[in-house]
């Protein structure tokens, strides 16, 4: 199918359950791109999305606190086997108020608990901004935040390069917290793309695209306007992804290049490649004729 020769998984390692999806799903422009039928309202997008993917990364929880009733309604639109990750709210990562953040952490814990109880939450994604560097003040805040969120499955995404440090990896490993692997442009100061796995239960990859000019522009629309080529995805599947599957029991991957529907297209292509090289197995759901993929050896 692809120009290169696909590599088969190393049978000496236990199978790693993989799930691939997108960062967010409720985008009106995805109807223009052909992913959603024309006129699909936001409230009915998840059932369509779930025909193609078995996991989604919730973006809205960054903008507002999750509420149990809202998450229950959302989960009811997909099968019990469907999984979620959710961003930690911005009041705990980007707009932190020293006198209030502990209460915000408690509210978030209460809000997300419904997905924990149902077994549908894979992780909470704590994404920190590029100016959150590894100085003493930030290290102390992060340690306190992790203490407050203890017991919640966490994935940490750093944007500042200073966090790429063995001491950080060791502390995340001690706490059994997943460090997010990122695919971004190679720009000075940005956190690099690493295959370091700090939690053997779960690895987490976010594909942000490689639009260097867009990242420099400061415009989010331009930043995530990118389309991965088949060659790039094939290299990632046989390189980064295959390597990380040998280090964890499960892995989740999300495409954040959402501007013109590229994320859904690239995610489906990557799934096909992972099926082809033997890391995922293709099945068909009983409720729809749309193909999707389930993890190998489930």
Protein backbone atom coordinates (compact mmCIF):
# COMPACT_ATOMS: atom_id res chain seq x y z
CA UNK A 1 0.00 0.00 0.00
CA UNK A 2 2.82 2.38 0.85
CA UNK A 3 6.13 2.94 -0.86
CA UNK A 4 8.20 1.73 2.07
CA UNK A 5 8.25 -1.80 3.41
CA UNK A 6 6.10 -2.16 6.52
CA UNK A 7 7.81 -3.50 9.62
CA UNK A 8 6.08 -6.20 11.64
CA UNK A 9 5.83 -5.85 15.43
CA UNK A 10 8.35 -7.59 17.65
CA UNK A 11 6.52 -10.65 18.96
CA UNK A 12 8.84 -10.87 21.96
CA UNK A 13 7.03 -7.92 23.56
CA UNK A 14 3.46 -8.00 24.96
CA UNK A 15 0.83 -6.44 22.72
CA UNK A 16 0.12 -2.78 23.39
CA UNK A 17 -3.49 -1.65 23.05
CA UNK A 18 -3.60 1.41 20.80
CA UNK A 19 -6.28 4.02 20.27
CA UNK A 20 -6.14 6.86 17.74
CA UNK A 21 -8.42 9.91 17.62
CA UNK A 22 -8.43 13.68 17.34
CA UNK A 23 -8.07 16.62 19.69
CA UNK A 24 -11.68 17.74 19.82
CA UNK A 25 -14.42 16.69 17.44
CA UNK A 26 -16.98 19.53 17.38
CA UNK A 27 -15.78 21.61 14.44
CA UNK A 28 -18.24 23.13 11.96
CA UNK A 29 -15.54 23.25 9.28
CA UNK A 30 -15.29 19.45 9.34
CA UNK A 31 -18.66 19.36 7.57
CA UNK A 32 -17.16 21.54 4.82
CA UNK A 33 -14.23 19.10 4.68
CA UNK A 34 -16.64 16.19 4.22
CA UNK A 35 -16.14 14.39 7.51
CA UNK A 36 -19.58 15.29 8.89
CA UNK A 37 -22.72 15.33 6.74
CA UNK A 38 -23.76 18.86 5.83
CA UNK A 39 -25.92 20.45 8.50
CA UNK A 40 -24.83 18.13 11.33
CA UNK A 41 -25.43 20.09 14.57
CA UNK A 42 -22.68 20.17 17.18
CA UNK A 43 -24.79 18.10 19.56
CA UNK A 44 -24.94 15.21 17.07
CA UNK A 45 -21.32 15.17 15.95
CA UNK A 46 -19.99 12.68 18.50
CA UNK A 47 -22.14 9.73 17.29
CA UNK A 48 -20.80 10.31 13.77
CA UNK A 49 -17.25 10.69 15.04
CA UNK A 50 -17.58 7.44 17.03
CA UNK A 51 -18.23 5.51 13.81
CA UNK A 52 -14.61 6.08 12.85
CA UNK A 53 -12.71 6.42 16.13
CA UNK A 54 -12.86 4.77 19.54
CA UNK A 55 -11.40 7.68 21.55
CA UNK A 56 -11.51 11.48 21.62
CA UNK A 57 -9.61 14.18 23.48
CA UNK A 58 -12.09 16.64 24.97
CA UNK A 59 -11.06 20.27 24.44
CA UNK A 60 -14.00 22.04 26.03
CA UNK A 61 -12.90 21.08 29.54
CA UNK A 62 -9.99 23.52 29.12
CA UNK A 63 -12.45 26.40 28.67
CA UNK A 64 -14.97 25.38 31.34
CA UNK A 65 -15.26 23.07 34.27
CA UNK A 66 -16.57 19.60 33.43
CA UNK A 67 -19.96 18.79 34.92
CA UNK A 68 -21.07 15.22 35.62
CA UNK A 69 -24.46 15.63 33.92
CA UNK A 70 -22.89 16.99 30.72
CA UNK A 71 -20.32 14.20 30.59
CA UNK A 72 -22.98 11.57 31.20
CA UNK A 73 -24.95 12.91 28.22
CA UNK A 74 -21.82 12.94 26.11
CA UNK A 75 -20.82 9.40 27.03
CA UNK A 76 -24.33 8.15 26.26
CA UNK A 77 -23.82 9.13 22.61
CA UNK A 78 -21.07 6.54 22.19
CA UNK A 79 -20.65 2.89 23.13
CA UNK A 80 -19.43 1.84 26.60
CA UNK A 81 -16.16 0.83 24.93
CA UNK A 82 -15.56 4.38 23.71
CA UNK A 83 -12.87 6.24 25.65
CA UNK A 84 -12.15 9.86 26.53
CA UNK A 85 -9.24 11.97 27.60
CA UNK A 86 -9.97 15.48 28.86
CA UNK A 87 -7.91 18.63 29.12
CA UNK A 88 -7.35 20.08 32.54
CA UNK A 89 -9.11 23.44 32.84
CA UNK A 90 -7.09 26.58 32.03
CA UNK A 91 -7.49 27.91 35.59
CA UNK A 92 -5.05 25.17 36.61
CA UNK A 93 -2.53 25.53 33.79
CA UNK A 94 -2.67 28.93 32.08
CA UNK A 95 -4.63 31.35 34.26
CA UNK A 96 -3.73 30.20 37.76
CA UNK A 97 -4.91 32.26 40.72
CA UNK A 98 -2.75 31.46 43.77
CA UNK A 99 -5.62 31.84 46.24
CA UNK A 100 -8.14 29.84 44.19
CA UNK A 101 -6.47 27.03 42.30
CA UNK A 102 -6.86 24.40 45.05
CA UNK A 103 -10.60 24.87 44.96
CA UNK A 104 -10.53 24.68 41.17
CA UNK A 105 -8.68 21.37 41.38
CA UNK A 106 -11.35 20.00 43.70
CA UNK A 107 -14.13 21.14 41.35
CA UNK A 108 -12.40 19.52 38.40
CA UNK A 109 -12.01 16.26 40.29
CA UNK A 110 -15.73 16.25 41.10
CA UNK A 111 -16.68 17.06 37.51
CA UNK A 112 -14.57 14.40 35.84
CA UNK A 113 -15.44 11.67 38.35
CA UNK A 114 -18.32 10.34 36.26
CA UNK A 115 -15.93 9.20 33.52
CA UNK A 116 -13.58 7.66 36.07
CA UNK A 117 -16.43 5.71 37.64
CA UNK A 118 -17.64 4.45 34.25
CA UNK A 119 -14.12 3.37 33.29
CA UNK A 120 -14.17 5.55 30.17
CA UNK A 121 -11.50 8.07 31.17
CA UNK A 122 -8.03 7.22 29.86
CA UNK A 123 -6.30 10.33 31.20
CA UNK A 124 -6.60 13.99 32.11
CA UNK A 125 -4.28 16.08 29.95
CA UNK A 126 -2.45 18.89 31.76
CA UNK A 127 -1.10 21.08 28.97
CA UNK A 128 1.15 23.92 30.07
CA UNK A 129 1.95 27.04 28.02
CA UNK A 130 5.33 27.79 26.39
CA UNK A 131 6.20 30.35 29.09
CA UNK A 132 5.80 27.77 31.86
CA UNK A 133 9.49 27.03 32.31
CA UNK A 134 11.29 24.90 34.90
CA UNK A 135 12.04 27.55 37.50
CA UNK A 136 11.64 26.95 41.24
CA UNK A 137 8.25 28.67 41.50
CA UNK A 138 6.78 26.57 38.71
CA UNK A 139 8.32 23.34 40.03
CA UNK A 140 6.73 23.96 43.43
CA UNK A 141 3.35 24.74 41.89
CA UNK A 142 3.46 21.63 39.71
CA UNK A 143 4.33 19.39 42.65
CA UNK A 144 1.44 20.84 44.67
CA UNK A 145 -0.95 20.46 41.73
CA UNK A 146 -0.01 16.82 41.25
CA UNK A 147 -0.61 16.21 44.94
CA UNK A 148 -4.08 17.76 44.68
CA UNK A 149 -4.92 15.62 41.64
CA UNK A 150 -3.48 12.40 43.07
CA UNK A 151 -5.56 9.40 42.08
CA UNK A 152 -6.62 10.83 38.71
CA UNK A 153 -4.82 9.33 35.68
CA UNK A 154 -2.69 12.23 34.44
CA UNK A 155 -0.74 13.06 31.30
CA UNK A 156 1.62 16.06 31.33
CA UNK A 157 2.34 18.09 28.21
CA UNK A 158 5.16 20.60 28.47
CA UNK A 159 5.81 23.22 25.82
CA UNK A 160 9.02 24.69 27.27
CA UNK A 161 12.22 22.81 26.53
CA UNK A 162 13.57 23.17 30.07
CA UNK A 163 11.28 20.35 31.26
CA UNK A 164 13.13 17.83 29.07
CA UNK A 165 15.26 16.75 32.01
CA UNK A 166 16.07 13.40 33.59
CA UNK A 167 14.88 14.62 37.01
CA UNK A 168 11.47 15.46 35.54
CA UNK A 169 11.22 12.06 33.88
CA UNK A 170 12.18 10.32 37.12
CA UNK A 171 9.61 12.21 39.18
CA UNK A 172 6.82 11.50 36.68
CA UNK A 173 7.84 7.84 36.69
CA UNK A 174 7.76 7.78 40.49
CA UNK A 175 4.26 9.22 40.46
CA UNK A 176 3.15 6.95 37.56
CA UNK A 177 2.23 9.97 35.45
CA UNK A 178 2.40 9.89 31.66
CA UNK A 179 4.62 12.42 29.92
CA UNK A 180 3.09 13.45 26.61
CA UNK A 181 5.18 13.00 23.48
CA UNK A 182 4.64 15.83 21.01
CA UNK A 183 5.19 16.15 17.28
CA UNK A 184 5.78 19.84 16.54
CA UNK A 185 8.09 21.99 14.41
CA UNK A 186 11.72 21.98 15.52
CA UNK A 187 11.79 25.49 16.94
CA UNK A 188 14.16 26.90 19.58
CA UNK A 189 12.73 26.63 23.09
CA UNK A 190 9.93 24.16 22.23
CA UNK A 191 9.77 20.86 24.06
CA UNK A 192 11.37 18.23 21.80
CA UNK A 193 9.77 15.08 20.44
CA UNK A 194 10.90 12.27 22.75
CA UNK A 195 10.13 8.57 22.97
CA UNK A 196 10.50 8.60 26.76
CA UNK A 197 7.78 6.58 28.53
CA UNK A 198 7.35 7.53 32.19
CA UNK A 199 4.27 5.40 32.83
CA UNK A 200 4.35 1.77 31.63
CA UNK A 201 0.55 1.71 31.77
CA UNK A 202 0.07 4.42 29.12
CA UNK A 203 1.90 6.46 26.52
CA UNK A 204 0.30 9.54 24.98
CA UNK A 205 1.24 11.23 21.69
CA UNK A 206 -0.14 14.51 20.33
CA UNK A 207 0.47 15.34 16.67
CA UNK A 208 0.32 19.13 16.42
CA UNK A 209 1.62 19.44 12.86
CA UNK A 210 4.87 20.89 11.59
CA UNK A 211 3.75 24.30 10.36
CA UNK A 212 6.82 26.28 11.45
CA UNK A 213 5.58 29.56 10.02
CA UNK A 214 2.21 29.07 11.69
CA UNK A 215 3.79 28.43 15.09
CA UNK A 216 5.85 31.59 14.73
CA UNK A 217 2.77 33.63 13.75
CA UNK A 218 1.04 33.38 17.12
CA UNK A 219 -2.24 32.55 15.34
CA UNK A 220 -3.85 29.34 16.51
CA UNK A 221 -5.64 28.93 13.18
CA UNK A 222 -2.34 29.09 11.32
CA UNK A 223 -0.46 27.11 13.97
CA UNK A 224 -2.56 23.98 13.55
CA UNK A 225 -3.17 24.28 9.81
CA UNK A 226 -1.10 21.37 8.62
CA UNK A 227 -1.52 18.12 6.70
CA UNK A 228 0.81 15.20 7.39
CA UNK A 229 1.92 13.38 4.24
CA UNK A 230 1.63 9.62 3.97
CA UNK A 231 5.41 9.42 4.06
CA UNK A 232 5.55 11.34 7.35
CA UNK A 233 2.83 9.19 8.91
CA UNK A 234 4.49 5.99 7.73
CA UNK A 235 7.75 7.09 9.31
CA UNK A 236 5.97 7.93 12.58
CA UNK A 237 4.10 4.61 12.63
CA UNK A 238 7.21 2.51 12.05
CA UNK A 239 9.47 4.69 14.17
CA UNK A 240 8.12 6.65 17.12
CA UNK A 241 4.86 4.74 17.60
CA UNK A 242 6.34 1.27 17.17
CA UNK A 243 9.13 2.08 19.60
CA UNK A 244 6.74 3.35 22.27
CA UNK A 245 4.45 0.31 21.98
CA UNK A 246 7.34 -1.76 23.33
CA UNK A 247 7.38 0.30 26.53
CA UNK A 248 3.72 0.52 27.61
CA UNK A 249 0.58 -1.55 28.02
CA UNK A 250 -1.63 1.00 26.24
CA UNK A 251 -1.12 3.99 24.00
CA UNK A 252 -3.30 6.88 22.83
CA UNK A 253 -2.61 9.22 19.93
CA UNK A 254 -4.40 12.41 18.93
CA UNK A 255 -4.13 14.71 15.93
CA UNK A 256 -4.48 18.38 16.78
CA UNK A 257 -4.13 19.73 13.21
CA UNK A 258 -7.85 20.37 13.15
CA UNK A 259 -8.25 23.61 11.19
CA UNK A 260 -9.54 22.21 7.89
CA UNK A 261 -10.36 18.66 8.90
CA UNK A 262 -6.82 17.38 8.41
CA UNK A 263 -6.83 15.76 11.86
CA UNK A 264 -9.60 13.28 11.04
CA UNK A 265 -8.07 12.42 7.68
CA UNK A 266 -4.58 11.94 9.10
CA UNK A 267 -5.91 9.90 12.03
CA UNK A 268 -7.73 7.51 9.72
CA UNK A 269 -4.62 7.15 7.58
CA UNK A 270 -2.45 6.39 10.59
CA UNK A 271 -4.94 3.78 11.78
CA UNK A 272 -4.77 2.07 8.38
CA UNK A 273 -0.99 2.04 8.58
CA UNK A 274 -0.98 0.63 12.11
CA UNK A 275 -3.37 -2.09 10.95
CA UNK A 276 -1.10 -2.86 8.02
CA UNK A 277 2.02 -3.24 10.15
CA UNK A 278 0.19 -5.37 12.70
CA UNK A 279 -0.12 -3.01 15.66
CA UNK A 280 -3.92 -2.67 15.37
CA UNK A 281 -6.64 -4.97 14.12
CA UNK A 282 -9.49 -3.85 11.88
CA UNK A 283 -13.03 -4.83 12.78
CA UNK A 284 -16.54 -3.65 11.91
CA UNK A 285 -19.04 -2.48 14.49
CA UNK A 286 -22.48 -4.09 14.71
CA UNK A 287 -24.32 -0.78 14.64
CA UNK A 288 -22.82 0.72 11.50
CA UNK A 289 -21.24 -0.34 8.27
CA UNK A 290 -18.45 2.18 8.80
CA UNK A 291 -15.11 0.47 9.45
CA UNK A 292 -13.10 1.33 12.53
CA UNK A 293 -10.23 -0.28 14.32
CA UNK A 294 -9.93 -2.02 17.62
CA UNK A 295 -6.68 -2.63 19.44
CA UNK A 296 -4.87 -5.85 18.60
CA UNK A 297 -5.40 -8.77 21.01
CA UNK A 298 -8.30 -7.21 22.94
